[in-house]
Amino acid sequence: MSAPASEAPDPSDPVPPDPGPPGSGAPAPPAWRPLLLVAGGAALVLLALGARYGYHRDELYFRVAGRHLDWGYPDQPPLVPLLARAVTALFGDSLIALRVPSALCVAAGVLVAGLTARELGGRRRAQLLTAGAYAVCPFAIASGHTLSTAAFDMLLTTVLAWLAIRWVRTRDQRLLLAAGAVTAVAVNVKYLAPVALAALVAGLLIAGPRDLLRRPPLAAGAALAVAAAVPGLLWQARHGWPQLDMADAIAGDADFGGRPGFLPFQLVLTGVVLSWLWIYGLWRLYRSADLAPYRFVGHAYLLLNIAFLATAGKPYYLSGLWAALWAAGAVEVERRGAPRGWGWAASAPAYAVTGVSTVLLTLPVYPVATLASTPQPAVNADGAETVGWPRFAAEVARVHRTLPPGEPATIIVSNYGEAGALDRYGPDLGLPRAYSGHNGYWYFGRPPDTATTAVVVGPESVAGAARLRRFWTDVRPAGRIDNGVGLDNEEQGKPVWICRGLRGTWTDLWPEFRTLS
């Protein structure tokens, strides 16, 4: 019987696909209708809640970074700021519009996850189990709620894993070129993309087929990815490789429990109740004869764990391989049933429980006035960072209005979120431009040398005042940030100072304000 038209080789392809691993016949058809329903449902939930609360600090940063386009920034490549600029240019300051791309990333990830199960031999049930796991994954939903590099990184790495699995099954050499094109996009979203690709290639070299490196399309795809990375690398080189300093700062951050929390937090980020599915998939990759051709995925996952544990990486850096592990587990559940003791957990109630808990812990479903009394801020600190920005700007404006008319003054804030908030809300309050030395904002310009007086947000405590006196002779408290709902986020309770008598010029002092975190 001939292969379906969708699986037939392209007559124009100069290198016909190999037959693939033994027993790798044509897969079951994609379960398009239910997959699209699951993907659309996830996107609909994200967009329905997209306008609640407010901007995340990263979104405020992207919004400004998009107006200072360059080939790189100290903390990221240029693609997401470019996207933020395009969205705001087309739709203005629409929070929903800004978040549509991330919601679409989640929807696309759900589809690719289901197709990954299909490539591994999964029929309708396996495809839906895998797609559903992606759709209720706490990390996927949390990153899909705001414009974030994480949503794009997770999707693109998931696509890379799917392409690698499909290549092993079909040996269609065009897939290697497609992987290069996906990597070319990914390296302009997040600098981690080549690490995941290297792990997949290493897994293939360990498990086979080892003739991968002899495939000309692989070299062409690699050349495409390298060419896409060159502008960003040149930017880094011209600016002293700030990304390396940024990596050190991230490694020193104790988020997600540091190294001790690296493995446990993967269970939390994938949904505790459903985490058994990817663990079962990883185990079956090493035990199932049917999955033996795809064992490289298990090798890649273990290699990445070792690499990120050694470098103090974050557990969500592995998110792009979760779909392949869910798929492996789902295919084995479909073939053999759930492992002993997990029958209930493989059923619809487990997905429902995970989906409801994901919504309650990651999305803005509570009245903002009661958010502080819910468990969400402790579980998902990013949610708390979307509250209070208009009040933040109003307090800075109140302090600024206390200055004598005509006194040349500037505004200095602690981080890029605060600077972005004043860029968004400050003009309507009569505020001048705000400056920050945090990450990429330091590159967006320094205050004018004529502005020897400053309204400064943070640092806190007596030690903070002592630090400010290194730069000004007269430092006085003038206000305090209060989001009005008692929510303990990064800005809550920060002092606002009036500082006069600048000890030098901004040209000389601005380098000392540079920070990375």
Protein backbone atom coordinates (compact mmCIF):
# COMPACT_ATOMS: atom_id res chain seq x y z
CA MET A 1 0.00 0.00 0.00
CA SER A 2 1.41 3.41 -0.90
CA ALA A 3 2.09 6.06 1.70
CA PRO A 4 -0.50 8.81 2.16
CA ALA A 5 0.04 11.90 0.05
CA SER A 6 1.03 13.90 3.12
CA GLU A 7 3.89 11.46 3.77
CA ALA A 8 5.04 11.04 0.15
CA PRO A 9 8.50 12.44 -0.69
CA ASP A 10 8.68 15.59 -2.75
CA PRO A 11 9.81 14.69 -6.31
CA SER A 12 11.89 17.86 -6.39
CA ASP A 13 13.86 16.84 -3.29
CA PRO A 14 17.41 16.00 -4.47
CA VAL A 15 17.96 13.74 -1.45
CA PRO A 16 15.04 11.30 -1.14
CA PRO A 17 14.04 10.52 2.43
CA ASP A 18 15.39 7.32 3.96
CA PRO A 19 12.82 4.73 4.97
CA GLY A 20 13.33 5.57 8.68
CA PRO A 21 13.75 3.22 11.59
CA PRO A 22 12.39 -0.32 11.36
CA GLY A 23 8.68 -0.54 11.89
CA SER A 24 8.15 3.17 11.45
CA GLY A 25 5.15 3.06 9.16
CA ALA A 26 2.82 5.92 8.38
CA PRO A 27 1.45 7.42 11.60
CA ALA A 28 -2.18 7.79 12.49
CA PRO A 29 -3.89 10.88 11.10
CA PRO A 30 -3.75 13.98 13.26
CA ALA A 31 -6.78 14.44 15.48
CA TRP A 32 -7.19 17.96 14.14
CA ARG A 33 -10.63 18.80 15.46
CA PRO A 34 -10.06 17.97 19.15
CA LEU A 35 -6.50 19.30 19.01
CA LEU A 36 -7.75 22.62 17.64
CA LEU A 37 -10.47 22.72 20.30
CA VAL A 38 -7.92 22.23 23.09
CA ALA A 39 -5.51 24.78 21.58
CA GLY A 40 -8.27 27.30 20.98
CA GLY A 41 -9.65 26.80 24.48
CA ALA A 42 -6.26 27.53 26.05
CA ALA A 43 -5.82 30.68 23.97
CA LEU A 44 -9.39 31.82 24.70
CA VAL A 45 -8.89 31.52 28.46
CA LEU A 46 -5.63 33.50 28.24
CA LEU A 47 -7.14 36.27 26.15
CA ALA A 48 -10.38 36.44 28.18
CA LEU A 49 -8.28 37.23 31.26
CA GLY A 50 -5.62 39.21 29.44
CA ALA A 51 -6.85 42.70 30.41
CA ARG A 52 -7.22 42.08 34.15
CA TYR A 53 -4.75 43.70 36.56
CA GLY A 54 -2.09 45.41 34.43
CA TYR A 55 1.27 45.26 32.70
CA HIS A 56 4.05 42.97 33.86
CA ARG A 57 7.36 44.75 34.40
CA ASP A 58 8.90 42.87 31.47
CA GLU A 59 6.13 44.10 29.16
CA LEU A 60 6.79 47.69 30.22
CA TYR A 61 10.47 47.09 29.46
CA PHE A 62 9.79 45.52 26.05
CA ARG A 63 7.54 48.44 25.18
CA VAL A 64 10.42 50.91 25.66
CA ALA A 65 13.15 48.62 24.33
CA GLY A 66 11.19 48.39 21.09
CA ARG A 67 11.74 52.12 20.61
CA HIS A 68 15.49 51.62 21.12
CA LEU A 69 15.89 48.78 18.65
CA ASP A 70 19.32 47.25 18.37
CA TRP A 71 20.81 43.88 17.48
CA GLY A 72 20.99 42.97 21.14
CA TYR A 73 20.56 43.95 24.76
CA PRO A 74 22.52 42.80 27.80
CA ASP A 75 19.70 40.48 28.86
CA GLN A 76 18.10 39.29 25.60
CA PRO A 77 18.17 39.24 21.80
CA PRO A 78 16.05 41.73 19.84
CA LEU A 79 13.01 39.79 18.58
CA VAL A 80 10.55 40.26 21.46
CA PRO A 81 11.22 44.02 21.79
CA LEU A 82 10.76 44.25 18.01
CA LEU A 83 7.45 42.43 18.32
CA ALA A 84 6.36 44.77 21.13
CA ARG A 85 7.13 47.74 18.92
CA ALA A 86 5.13 46.27 16.05
CA VAL A 87 2.11 45.56 18.26
CA THR A 88 2.08 49.01 19.86
CA ALA A 89 2.57 50.67 16.47
CA LEU A 90 -0.45 48.82 15.08
CA PHE A 91 -2.78 48.76 18.09
CA GLY A 92 -1.48 51.43 20.47
CA ASP A 93 -1.15 50.68 24.17
CA SER A 94 -3.55 47.76 24.18
CA LEU A 95 -2.70 45.23 26.87
CA ILE A 96 -4.76 42.53 25.14
CA ALA A 97 -3.01 43.09 21.80
CA LEU A 98 0.39 42.96 23.49
CA ARG A 99 -0.46 39.57 24.96
CA VAL A 100 -1.97 37.96 21.86
CA PRO A 101 1.41 36.65 20.56
CA SER A 102 2.12 34.72 23.78
CA ALA A 103 -1.39 33.25 23.83
CA LEU A 104 -0.90 32.12 20.23
CA CYS A 105 2.41 30.54 21.24
CA VAL A 106 0.57 28.42 23.81
CA ALA A 107 -2.06 27.41 21.25
CA ALA A 108 0.63 26.48 18.73
CA GLY A 109 2.53 24.57 21.40
CA VAL A 110 -0.58 22.53 22.19
CA LEU A 111 -0.87 21.55 18.51
CA VAL A 112 2.82 20.69 18.16
CA ALA A 113 2.65 18.61 21.34
CA GLY A 114 -0.21 16.57 19.89
CA LEU A 115 1.68 16.13 16.60
CA THR A 116 4.73 14.98 18.54
CA ALA A 117 2.66 12.16 20.03
CA ARG A 118 1.54 11.28 16.51
CA GLU A 119 5.15 11.02 15.34
CA LEU A 120 5.86 8.60 18.17
CA GLY A 121 3.02 6.37 16.99
CA GLY A 122 0.22 7.87 19.01
CA ARG A 123 -3.36 7.76 17.85
CA ARG A 124 -6.19 10.06 18.90
CA ARG A 125 -6.03 9.34 22.64
CA ALA A 126 -2.27 9.81 22.91
CA GLN A 127 -2.42 13.02 20.91
CA LEU A 128 -5.12 14.43 23.19
CA LEU A 129 -3.36 13.34 26.40
CA THR A 130 -0.22 15.14 25.23
CA ALA A 131 -1.98 18.27 23.99
CA GLY A 132 -4.00 18.43 27.19
CA ALA A 133 -0.88 18.21 29.34
CA TYR A 134 0.58 21.22 27.50
CA ALA A 135 -2.71 23.13 27.74
CA VAL A 136 -2.92 22.81 31.54
CA CYS A 137 0.82 23.08 32.22
CA PRO A 138 1.25 25.81 34.89
CA PHE A 139 4.44 27.17 33.34
CA ALA A 140 3.01 27.27 29.81
CA ILE A 141 -0.13 29.09 30.95
CA ALA A 142 1.74 31.52 33.21
CA SER A 143 4.21 32.45 30.45
CA GLY A 144 1.39 32.69 27.91
CA HIS A 145 -0.50 35.25 29.98
CA THR A 146 2.06 38.03 29.38
CA LEU A 147 4.36 38.96 26.52
CA SER A 148 7.43 36.98 27.51
CA THR A 149 10.51 35.40 26.00
CA ALA A 150 9.63 32.19 27.86
CA ALA A 151 6.46 31.56 25.84
CA PHE A 152 8.35 31.82 22.53
CA ASP A 153 11.32 29.82 23.81
CA MET A 154 9.11 26.96 25.01
CA LEU A 155 7.25 26.81 21.68
CA LEU A 156 10.34 26.99 19.47
CA THR A 157 12.21 24.32 21.42
CA THR A 158 9.10 22.13 21.34
CA VAL A 159 9.08 22.53 17.55
CA LEU A 160 12.78 21.59 17.38
CA ALA A 161 12.12 18.40 19.33
CA TRP A 162 9.19 17.56 17.05
CA LEU A 163 11.32 18.13 13.94
CA ALA A 164 14.07 15.89 15.31
CA ILE A 165 11.59 13.12 16.12
CA ARG A 166 9.97 13.42 12.71
CA TRP A 167 13.37 13.32 11.01
CA VAL A 168 14.25 10.09 12.80
CA ARG A 169 10.99 8.56 11.59
CA THR A 170 11.03 9.82 7.99
CA ARG A 171 14.67 10.83 7.26
CA ASP A 172 13.24 13.73 5.28
CA GLN A 173 16.34 15.90 4.92
CA ARG A 174 14.31 19.08 4.54
CA LEU A 175 13.43 18.81 8.21
CA LEU A 176 17.07 19.50 9.10
CA LEU A 177 16.95 22.75 7.16
CA ALA A 178 13.65 23.59 8.87
CA ALA A 179 15.33 22.98 12.24
CA GLY A 180 17.99 25.48 11.25
CA ALA A 181 15.33 28.05 10.36
CA VAL A 182 13.55 27.52 13.70
CA THR A 183 16.86 27.89 15.53
CA ALA A 184 17.54 31.10 13.59
CA VAL A 185 14.35 32.54 15.06
CA ALA A 186 15.00 31.08 18.51
CA VAL A 187 18.48 32.60 18.89
CA ASN A 188 16.88 36.01 18.42
CA VAL A 189 14.40 35.31 21.22
CA LYS A 190 16.65 33.81 23.87
CA TYR A 191 20.34 32.98 23.96
CA LEU A 192 19.60 29.53 25.43
CA ALA A 193 18.19 28.14 22.17
CA PRO A 194 21.48 26.65 20.90
CA VAL A 195 21.89 24.75 24.17
CA ALA A 196 18.66 22.78 23.63
CA LEU A 197 19.58 22.12 20.00
CA ALA A 198 23.06 20.94 21.01
CA ALA A 199 21.49 18.55 23.53
CA LEU A 200 19.19 17.08 20.85
CA VAL A 201 22.12 16.63 18.45
CA ALA A 202 24.21 15.05 21.21
CA GLY A 203 21.33 12.70 22.00
CA LEU A 204 21.16 11.67 18.35
CA LEU A 205 24.91 11.05 18.23
CA ILE A 206 24.69 8.90 21.36
CA ALA A 207 21.57 6.92 20.44
CA GLY A 208 21.77 7.10 16.65
CA PRO A 209 21.33 7.48 13.79
CA ARG A 210 24.95 8.66 13.93
CA ASP A 211 25.11 9.59 10.26
CA LEU A 212 23.32 12.81 11.15
CA LEU A 213 26.48 14.90 10.76
CA ARG A 214 26.94 13.69 7.18
CA ARG A 215 23.63 15.17 6.05
CA PRO A 216 24.24 18.31 3.91
CA PRO A 217 20.94 19.95 4.94
CA LEU A 218 22.15 19.86 8.54
CA ALA A 219 25.15 21.98 7.59
CA ALA A 220 22.90 24.35 5.66
CA GLY A 221 20.52 24.65 8.60
CA ALA A 222 23.42 25.25 10.98
CA ALA A 223 24.78 27.95 8.69
CA LEU A 224 21.38 29.65 8.65
CA ALA A 225 21.20 29.60 12.45
CA VAL A 226 24.75 30.94 12.82
CA ALA A 227 24.08 33.72 10.32
CA ALA A 228 21.01 34.75 12.32
CA ALA A 229 23.05 34.82 15.53
CA VAL A 230 25.98 36.85 14.16
CA PRO A 231 24.46 40.35 14.58
CA GLY A 232 23.65 39.65 18.22
CA LEU A 233 27.11 38.21 18.85
CA LEU A 234 28.72 41.27 17.31
CA TRP A 235 26.60 43.51 19.55
CA GLN A 236 27.70 41.51 22.59
CA ALA A 237 31.34 41.73 21.55
CA ARG A 238 31.14 45.49 21.02
CA HIS A 239 29.66 45.98 24.49
CA GLY A 240 31.99 43.68 26.44
CA TRP A 241 29.78 40.55 26.49
CA PRO A 242 27.26 41.75 29.11
CA GLN A 243 25.27 38.55 28.60
CA LEU A 244 28.01 36.67 30.46
CA ASP A 245 27.63 39.00 33.44
CA MET A 246 23.88 38.59 33.14
CA ALA A 247 24.25 34.80 33.27
CA ASP A 248 26.31 35.11 36.45
CA ALA A 249 23.63 37.32 38.00
CA ILE A 250 20.91 34.80 37.11
CA ALA A 251 22.98 31.93 38.49
CA GLY A 252 23.26 33.78 41.79
CA ASP A 253 19.48 34.21 42.00
CA ALA A 254 17.82 31.77 44.42
CA ASP A 255 14.53 31.61 42.48
CA PHE A 256 12.97 28.12 42.31
CA GLY A 257 15.05 26.98 45.27
CA GLY A 258 18.41 27.08 43.49
CA ARG A 259 20.08 23.75 42.75
CA PRO A 260 18.17 21.82 45.48
CA GLY A 261 14.88 22.95 43.94
CA PHE A 262 15.84 22.29 40.32
CA LEU A 263 14.23 18.85 40.02
CA PRO A 264 11.30 19.32 42.45
CA PHE A 265 10.23 22.52 40.73
CA GLN A 266 9.94 20.70 37.42
CA LEU A 267 7.09 18.79 39.04
CA VAL A 268 5.46 22.04 40.13
CA LEU A 269 5.92 23.76 36.77
CA THR A 270 4.45 20.82 34.83
CA GLY A 271 1.57 20.27 37.27
CA VAL A 272 2.11 18.03 40.26
CA VAL A 273 -0.82 15.73 39.54
CA LEU A 274 0.19 15.23 35.89
CA SER A 275 3.96 15.22 36.35
CA TRP A 276 3.87 11.43 36.41
CA LEU A 277 3.12 11.47 32.66
CA TRP A 278 6.45 12.97 31.56
CA ILE A 279 8.33 10.92 34.18
CA TYR A 280 6.67 7.78 32.80
CA GLY A 281 7.53 8.94 29.27
CA LEU A 282 11.19 9.38 30.21
CA TRP A 283 11.29 5.91 31.76
CA ARG A 284 9.57 4.27 28.77
CA LEU A 285 12.00 5.91 26.34
CA TYR A 286 14.63 3.69 27.92
CA ARG A 287 12.43 0.59 28.31
CA SER A 288 10.11 0.41 25.30
CA ALA A 289 11.28 -1.26 22.09
CA ASP A 290 8.70 0.83 20.20
CA LEU A 291 10.27 4.07 21.48
CA ALA A 292 13.90 2.92 21.12
CA PRO A 293 14.48 4.94 17.90
CA TYR A 294 13.58 8.09 19.85
CA ARG A 295 15.71 7.44 22.92
CA PHE A 296 17.79 10.45 21.97
CA VAL A 297 15.07 12.63 23.55
CA GLY A 298 15.77 11.02 26.91
CA HIS A 299 19.50 11.56 26.45
CA ALA A 300 18.92 15.22 25.55
CA TYR A 301 16.75 15.75 28.62
CA LEU A 302 19.28 14.18 30.98
CA LEU A 303 22.15 16.12 29.41
CA LEU A 304 20.29 19.39 29.87
CA ASN A 305 19.59 18.55 33.51
CA ILE A 306 23.29 18.00 34.08
CA ALA A 307 24.27 21.18 32.23
CA PHE A 308 21.78 23.43 34.02
CA LEU A 309 22.45 21.94 37.42
CA ALA A 310 26.16 22.60 36.88
CA THR A 311 25.54 26.20 35.78
CA ALA A 312 22.74 27.01 38.28
CA GLY A 313 20.16 27.28 35.51
CA LYS A 314 16.41 27.44 36.06
CA PRO A 315 14.09 24.41 35.86
CA TYR A 316 11.95 26.03 33.16
CA TYR A 317 14.94 26.02 30.81
CA LEU A 318 13.89 22.41 30.06
CA SER A 319 10.31 23.33 29.14
CA GLY A 320 10.86 22.76 25.41
CA LEU A 321 11.41 19.02 25.98
CA TRP A 322 8.40 18.44 28.20
CA ALA A 323 6.03 17.93 25.25
CA ALA A 324 8.19 15.12 23.84
CA LEU A 325 8.27 13.43 27.26
CA TRP A 326 4.51 13.85 27.71
CA ALA A 327 4.08 12.38 24.23
CA ALA A 328 6.23 9.36 25.04
CA GLY A 329 4.24 8.75 28.21
CA ALA A 330 0.89 9.23 26.46
CA VAL A 331 1.79 6.84 23.64
CA GLU A 332 2.72 4.16 26.16
CA VAL A 333 -0.50 4.76 28.11
CA GLU A 334 -2.44 4.32 24.88
CA ARG A 335 -0.59 1.11 24.03
CA ARG A 336 -0.31 -0.48 27.46
CA GLY A 337 -2.53 1.48 29.83
CA ALA A 338 -1.36 3.67 32.69
CA PRO A 339 1.31 2.29 35.03
CA ARG A 340 0.02 0.52 38.11
CA GLY A 341 -1.44 2.92 40.65
CA TRP A 342 -1.92 5.76 38.16
CA GLY A 343 -5.17 4.73 36.50
CA TRP A 344 -7.17 7.60 38.03
CA ALA A 345 -4.37 10.08 37.34
CA ALA A 346 -4.45 9.18 33.64
CA SER A 347 -8.12 10.06 33.42
CA ALA A 348 -9.99 13.29 32.75
CA PRO A 349 -10.29 14.29 36.44
CA ALA A 350 -6.51 14.66 36.71
CA TYR A 351 -6.48 17.07 33.78
CA ALA A 352 -9.45 18.96 35.22
CA VAL A 353 -7.82 19.29 38.64
CA THR A 354 -4.56 20.47 37.08
CA GLY A 355 -6.35 22.89 34.78
CA VAL A 356 -8.39 24.46 37.58
CA SER A 357 -5.38 24.74 39.90
CA THR A 358 -3.31 26.23 37.09
CA VAL A 359 -5.92 28.92 36.48
CA LEU A 360 -6.29 29.69 40.18
CA LEU A 361 -2.55 29.89 40.80
CA THR A 362 -1.30 31.59 37.64
CA LEU A 363 -4.03 33.76 36.09
CA PRO A 364 -5.73 36.98 37.30
CA VAL A 365 -9.05 35.46 38.36
CA TYR A 366 -9.34 37.10 41.80
CA PRO A 367 -10.55 40.62 42.53
CA VAL A 368 -7.39 42.67 42.82
CA ALA A 369 -8.44 43.89 46.26
CA THR A 370 -8.33 40.31 47.62
CA LEU A 371 -5.30 39.03 45.69
CA ALA A 372 -2.94 39.49 48.64
CA SER A 373 -5.03 37.09 50.74
CA THR A 374 -4.91 34.28 48.15
CA PRO A 375 -2.10 31.74 47.68
CA GLN A 376 -1.34 33.02 44.17
CA PRO A 377 1.34 35.64 45.03
CA ALA A 378 3.38 33.04 46.93
CA VAL A 379 3.18 30.56 44.04
CA ASN A 380 3.35 32.94 41.08
CA ALA A 381 5.22 36.12 42.02
CA ASP A 382 4.86 37.40 38.44
CA GLY A 383 1.15 37.90 39.01
CA ALA A 384 1.85 40.30 41.86
CA GLU A 385 4.15 42.28 39.57
CA THR A 386 1.19 43.25 37.36
CA VAL A 387 -0.51 45.24 40.14
CA GLY A 388 -0.03 48.85 41.19
CA TRP A 389 1.80 50.56 38.33
CA PRO A 390 -0.64 53.51 37.92
CA ARG A 391 -0.43 54.20 41.68
CA PHE A 392 3.34 53.91 41.50
CA ALA A 393 3.45 56.59 38.81
CA ALA A 394 0.98 58.77 40.73
CA GLU A 395 3.18 58.75 43.86
CA VAL A 396 6.28 59.66 41.88
CA ALA A 397 4.31 62.47 40.24
CA ARG A 398 3.11 63.73 43.65
CA VAL A 399 6.71 63.93 44.91
CA HIS A 400 7.85 65.58 41.68
CA ARG A 401 5.20 68.28 42.04
CA THR A 402 6.66 69.30 45.41
CA LEU A 403 9.81 70.57 43.69
CA PRO A 404 10.04 74.34 43.11
CA PRO A 405 8.87 75.32 39.63
CA GLY A 406 11.76 75.57 37.22
CA GLU A 407 14.19 73.48 39.27
CA PRO A 408 16.02 71.24 36.77
CA ALA A 409 15.28 67.72 37.96
CA THR A 410 15.32 64.19 36.65
CA ILE A 411 13.79 60.89 37.80
CA ILE A 412 15.92 57.85 38.66
CA VAL A 413 14.31 54.48 39.43
CA SER A 414 15.59 51.10 40.58
CA ASN A 415 14.63 48.84 37.70
CA TYR A 416 13.39 48.70 34.13
CA GLY A 417 9.81 47.95 35.20
CA GLU A 418 9.59 51.16 37.17
CA ALA A 419 11.14 53.15 34.33
CA GLY A 420 8.76 51.51 31.86
CA ALA A 421 5.77 52.30 34.08
CA LEU A 422 6.72 55.98 34.17
CA ASP A 423 7.17 55.93 30.41
CA ARG A 424 3.64 54.51 30.07
CA TYR A 425 1.78 56.59 32.68
CA GLY A 426 4.14 59.51 33.37
CA PRO A 427 3.34 61.75 30.38
CA ASP A 428 -0.32 62.08 31.44
CA LEU A 429 0.91 63.12 34.91
CA GLY A 430 3.31 65.75 33.59
CA LEU A 431 6.46 63.79 34.45
CA PRO A 432 9.74 64.05 32.55
CA ARG A 433 11.47 60.97 31.24
CA ALA A 434 12.65 58.46 33.86
CA TYR A 435 16.08 56.82 33.80
CA SER A 436 17.34 53.53 35.17
CA GLY A 437 20.68 51.73 35.17
CA HIS A 438 18.99 48.32 35.17
CA ASN A 439 19.86 45.90 32.35
CA GLY A 440 19.10 47.31 28.89
CA TYR A 441 17.65 50.53 30.26
CA TRP A 442 21.17 51.71 31.12
CA TYR A 443 21.90 51.81 27.39
CA PHE A 444 18.84 53.94 26.60
CA GLY A 445 20.53 57.13 27.78
CA ARG A 446 21.68 59.01 30.88
CA PRO A 447 20.13 62.07 32.53
CA PRO A 448 21.20 65.48 31.27
CA ASP A 449 24.11 67.05 33.15
CA THR A 450 21.96 70.09 33.93
CA ALA A 451 19.64 67.96 36.12
CA THR A 452 21.49 68.02 39.44
CA THR A 453 18.29 67.36 41.42
CA ALA A 454 16.57 63.98 41.19
CA VAL A 455 13.47 62.21 42.40
CA VAL A 456 14.80 58.74 43.19
CA VAL A 457 12.75 55.57 43.84
CA GLY A 458 14.62 53.25 46.20
CA PRO A 459 16.96 52.06 47.50
CA GLU A 460 15.44 51.20 50.84
CA SER A 461 16.57 51.61 54.47
CA VAL A 462 19.32 53.64 56.09
CA ALA A 463 21.92 51.84 54.00
CA GLY A 464 20.05 52.95 50.89
CA ALA A 465 20.20 56.57 51.94
CA ALA A 466 23.91 56.20 52.62
CA ARG A 467 24.40 54.87 49.09
CA LEU A 468 22.52 57.82 47.62
CA ARG A 469 24.77 60.21 49.53
CA ARG A 470 27.66 58.91 47.47
CA PHE A 471 26.09 60.76 44.55
CA TRP A 472 24.19 63.70 46.14
CA THR A 473 24.99 65.94 49.08
CA ASP A 474 21.36 66.36 50.22
CA VAL A 475 19.14 63.22 50.42
CA ARG A 476 15.67 63.47 51.96
CA PRO A 477 12.71 61.04 52.07
CA ALA A 478 9.65 62.46 50.36
CA GLY A 479 7.19 59.60 49.84
CA ARG A 480 6.59 55.87 49.79
CA ILE A 481 5.11 53.51 47.20
CA ASP A 482 1.81 51.85 48.14
CA ASN A 483 -0.19 49.77 45.67
CA GLY A 484 -3.31 50.27 47.79
CA VAL A 485 -4.20 46.58 48.12
CA GLY A 486 -1.53 45.43 50.57
CA LEU A 487 0.18 43.27 47.98
CA ASP A 488 3.81 42.51 48.77
CA ASN A 489 5.46 42.92 45.39
CA GLU A 490 8.86 44.34 44.47
CA GLU A 491 7.75 47.98 44.56
CA GLN A 492 5.56 47.90 47.65
CA GLY A 493 6.92 50.11 50.43
CA LYS A 494 9.86 51.52 48.48
CA PRO A 495 10.85 55.02 49.60
CA VAL A 496 10.85 57.96 47.22
CA TRP A 497 13.68 60.43 47.80
CA ILE A 498 14.48 63.95 46.72
CA CYS A 499 18.22 64.23 46.11
CA ARG A 500 20.07 67.50 45.50
CA GLY A 501 23.67 68.53 44.98
CA LEU A 502 24.98 66.03 42.46
CA ARG A 503 28.62 65.15 43.19
CA GLY A 504 29.87 65.39 39.62
CA THR A 505 28.35 65.12 36.17
CA TRP A 506 26.03 62.42 34.88
CA THR A 507 28.60 61.70 32.19
CA ASP A 508 31.03 60.63 34.91
CA LEU A 509 28.58 59.06 37.36
CA TRP A 510 26.22 57.13 35.07
CA PRO A 511 28.50 54.05 34.76
CA GLU A 512 28.15 53.51 38.52
CA PHE A 513 24.38 53.15 38.17
CA ARG A 514 24.65 50.15 35.85
CA THR A 515 23.15 46.93 37.31
CA LEU A 516 22.30 43.51 35.92
CA SER A 517 19.72 41.13 37.36
